[in-house]
Amino acid sequence: MEHEGRLARVDGRFIDETHLRLAIERIVGAVGRRIDESSPMVGGSAAPT
Protein backbone atom coordinates (compact mmCIF):
# COMPACT_ATOMS: atom_id res chain seq x y z
CA MET A 1 0.00 0.00 0.00
CA GLU A 2 1.19 3.53 -0.66
CA HIS A 3 0.96 6.09 2.13
CA GLU A 4 2.23 9.66 1.66
CA GLY A 5 4.29 8.63 -1.37
CA ARG A 6 5.99 5.69 0.34
CA LEU A 7 5.23 1.98 0.22
CA ALA A 8 4.03 0.47 3.47
CA ARG A 9 3.42 -3.16 4.43
CA VAL A 10 -0.09 -4.21 5.42
CA ASP A 11 -1.38 -7.39 7.05
CA GLY A 12 -3.98 -8.02 4.34
CA ARG A 13 -3.69 -10.98 1.97
CA PHE A 14 -5.53 -12.14 -1.14
CA ILE A 15 -7.51 -15.30 -0.45
CA ASP A 16 -6.87 -16.78 -3.91
CA GLU A 17 -5.94 -15.89 -7.49
CA THR A 18 -9.53 -14.87 -8.30
CA HIS A 19 -9.51 -12.37 -5.41
CA LEU A 20 -6.20 -10.92 -6.67
CA ARG A 21 -7.47 -10.68 -10.25
CA LEU A 22 -10.65 -8.86 -9.18
CA ALA A 23 -8.56 -6.32 -7.25
CA ILE A 24 -6.31 -5.77 -10.27
CA GLU A 25 -9.31 -5.34 -12.58
CA ARG A 26 -10.82 -2.74 -10.23
CA ILE A 27 -7.55 -0.79 -10.08
CA VAL A 28 -6.88 -0.75 -13.83
CA GLY A 29 -10.56 -0.14 -14.60
CA ALA A 30 -10.48 3.01 -12.47
CA VAL A 31 -7.83 4.49 -14.78
CA GLY A 32 -9.67 3.42 -17.94
CA ARG A 33 -7.50 0.40 -18.75
CA ARG A 34 -8.06 -3.33 -18.87
CA ILE A 35 -5.90 -6.35 -18.11
CA ASP A 36 -5.04 -8.93 -20.75
CA GLU A 37 -3.12 -12.16 -20.05
CA SER A 38 -1.21 -11.85 -23.34
CA SER A 39 0.08 -8.44 -22.21
CA PRO A 40 -0.09 -8.31 -18.39
CA MET A 41 1.66 -4.94 -18.00
CA VAL A 42 -0.52 -1.85 -17.47
CA GLY A 43 0.53 1.77 -17.24
CA GLY A 44 -1.52 4.47 -15.60
CA SER A 45 -1.78 6.85 -12.70
CA ALA A 46 -4.38 6.89 -9.99
CA ALA A 47 -6.21 10.10 -9.23
CA PRO A 48 -4.78 11.91 -6.19
CA THR A 49 -6.76 11.45 -2.98
C-alpha atoms as a PDB file:
ATOM      1  CA  MET A   1       0.000   0.000   0.000  1.00  0.00           C
ATOM      2  CA  GLU A   2       1.191   3.529  -0.655  1.00  0.00           C
ATOM      3  CA  HIS A   3       0.964   6.094   2.133  1.00  0.00           C
ATOM      4  CA  GLU A   4       2.230   9.662   1.661  1.00  0.00           C
ATOM      5  CA  GLY A   5       4.286   8.630  -1.369  1.00  0.00           C
ATOM      6  CA  ARG A   6       5.992   5.690   0.344  1.00  0.00           C
ATOM      7  CA  LEU A   7       5.233   1.976   0.216  1.00  0.00           C
ATOM      8  CA  ALA A   8       4.025   0.472   3.471  1.00  0.00           C
ATOM      9  CA  ARG A   9       3.420  -3.161   4.428  1.00  0.00           C
ATOM     10  CA  VAL A  10      -0.088  -4.213   5.419  1.00  0.00           C
ATOM     11  CA  ASP A  11      -1.384  -7.387   7.052  1.00  0.00           C
ATOM     12  CA  GLY A  12      -3.984  -8.025   4.338  1.00  0.00           C
ATOM     13  CA  ARG A  13      -3.690 -10.984   1.970  1.00  0.00           C
ATOM     14  CA  PHE A  14      -5.533 -12.140  -1.144  1.00  0.00           C
ATOM     15  CA  ILE A  15      -7.513 -15.295  -0.451  1.00  0.00           C
ATOM     16  CA  ASP A  16      -6.869 -16.776  -3.905  1.00  0.00           C
ATOM     17  CA  GLU A  17      -5.939 -15.891  -7.489  1.00  0.00           C
ATOM     18  CA  THR A  18      -9.528 -14.865  -8.303  1.00  0.00           C
ATOM     19  CA  HIS A  19      -9.511 -12.366  -5.412  1.00  0.00           C
ATOM     20  CA  LEU A  20      -6.201 -10.915  -6.667  1.00  0.00           C
ATOM     21  CA  ARG A  21      -7.470 -10.684 -10.255  1.00  0.00           C
ATOM     22  CA  LEU A  22     -10.650  -8.856  -9.177  1.00  0.00           C
ATOM     23  CA  ALA A  23      -8.564  -6.321  -7.248  1.00  0.00           C
ATOM     24  CA  ILE A  24      -6.306  -5.765 -10.267  1.00  0.00           C
ATOM     25  CA  GLU A  25      -9.306  -5.336 -12.580  1.00  0.00           C
ATOM     26  CA  ARG A  26     -10.820  -2.736 -10.232  1.00  0.00           C
ATOM     27  CA  ILE A  27      -7.553  -0.793 -10.082  1.00  0.00           C
ATOM     28  CA  VAL A  28      -6.885  -0.746 -13.825  1.00  0.00           C
ATOM     29  CA  GLY A  29     -10.561  -0.141 -14.604  1.00  0.00           C
ATOM     30  CA  ALA A  30     -10.483   3.007 -12.466  1.00  0.00           C
ATOM     31  CA  VAL A  31      -7.833   4.490 -14.782  1.00  0.00           C
ATOM     32  CA  GLY A  32      -9.670   3.420 -17.942  1.00  0.00           C
ATOM     33  CA  ARG A  33      -7.497   0.404 -18.746  1.00  0.00           C
ATOM     34  CA  ARG A  34      -8.058  -3.328 -18.871  1.00  0.00           C
ATOM     35  CA  ILE A  35      -5.904  -6.353 -18.108  1.00  0.00           C
ATOM     36  CA  ASP A  36      -5.038  -8.925 -20.753  1.00  0.00           C
ATOM     37  CA  GLU A  37      -3.124 -12.165 -20.046  1.00  0.00           C
ATOM     38  CA  SER A  38      -1.213 -11.849 -23.337  1.00  0.00           C
ATOM     39  CA  SER A  39       0.081  -8.435 -22.207  1.00  0.00           C
ATOM     40  CA  PRO A  40      -0.089  -8.313 -18.389  1.00  0.00           C
ATOM     41  CA  MET A  41       1.660  -4.940 -17.999  1.00  0.00           C
ATOM     42  CA  VAL A  42      -0.521  -1.850 -17.470  1.00  0.00           C
ATOM     43  CA  GLY A  43       0.532   1.767 -17.241  1.00  0.00           C
ATOM     44  CA  GLY A  44      -1.519   4.471 -15.603  1.00  0.00           C
ATOM     45  CA  SER A  45      -1.782   6.855 -12.699  1.00  0.00           C
ATOM     46  CA  ALA A  46      -4.385   6.890  -9.990  1.00  0.00           C
ATOM     47  CA  ALA A  47      -6.207  10.100  -9.226  1.00  0.00           C
ATOM     48  CA  PRO A  48      -4.783  11.915  -6.186  1.00  0.00           C
ATOM     49  CA  THR A  49      -6.762  11.446  -2.978  1.00  0.00           C
END
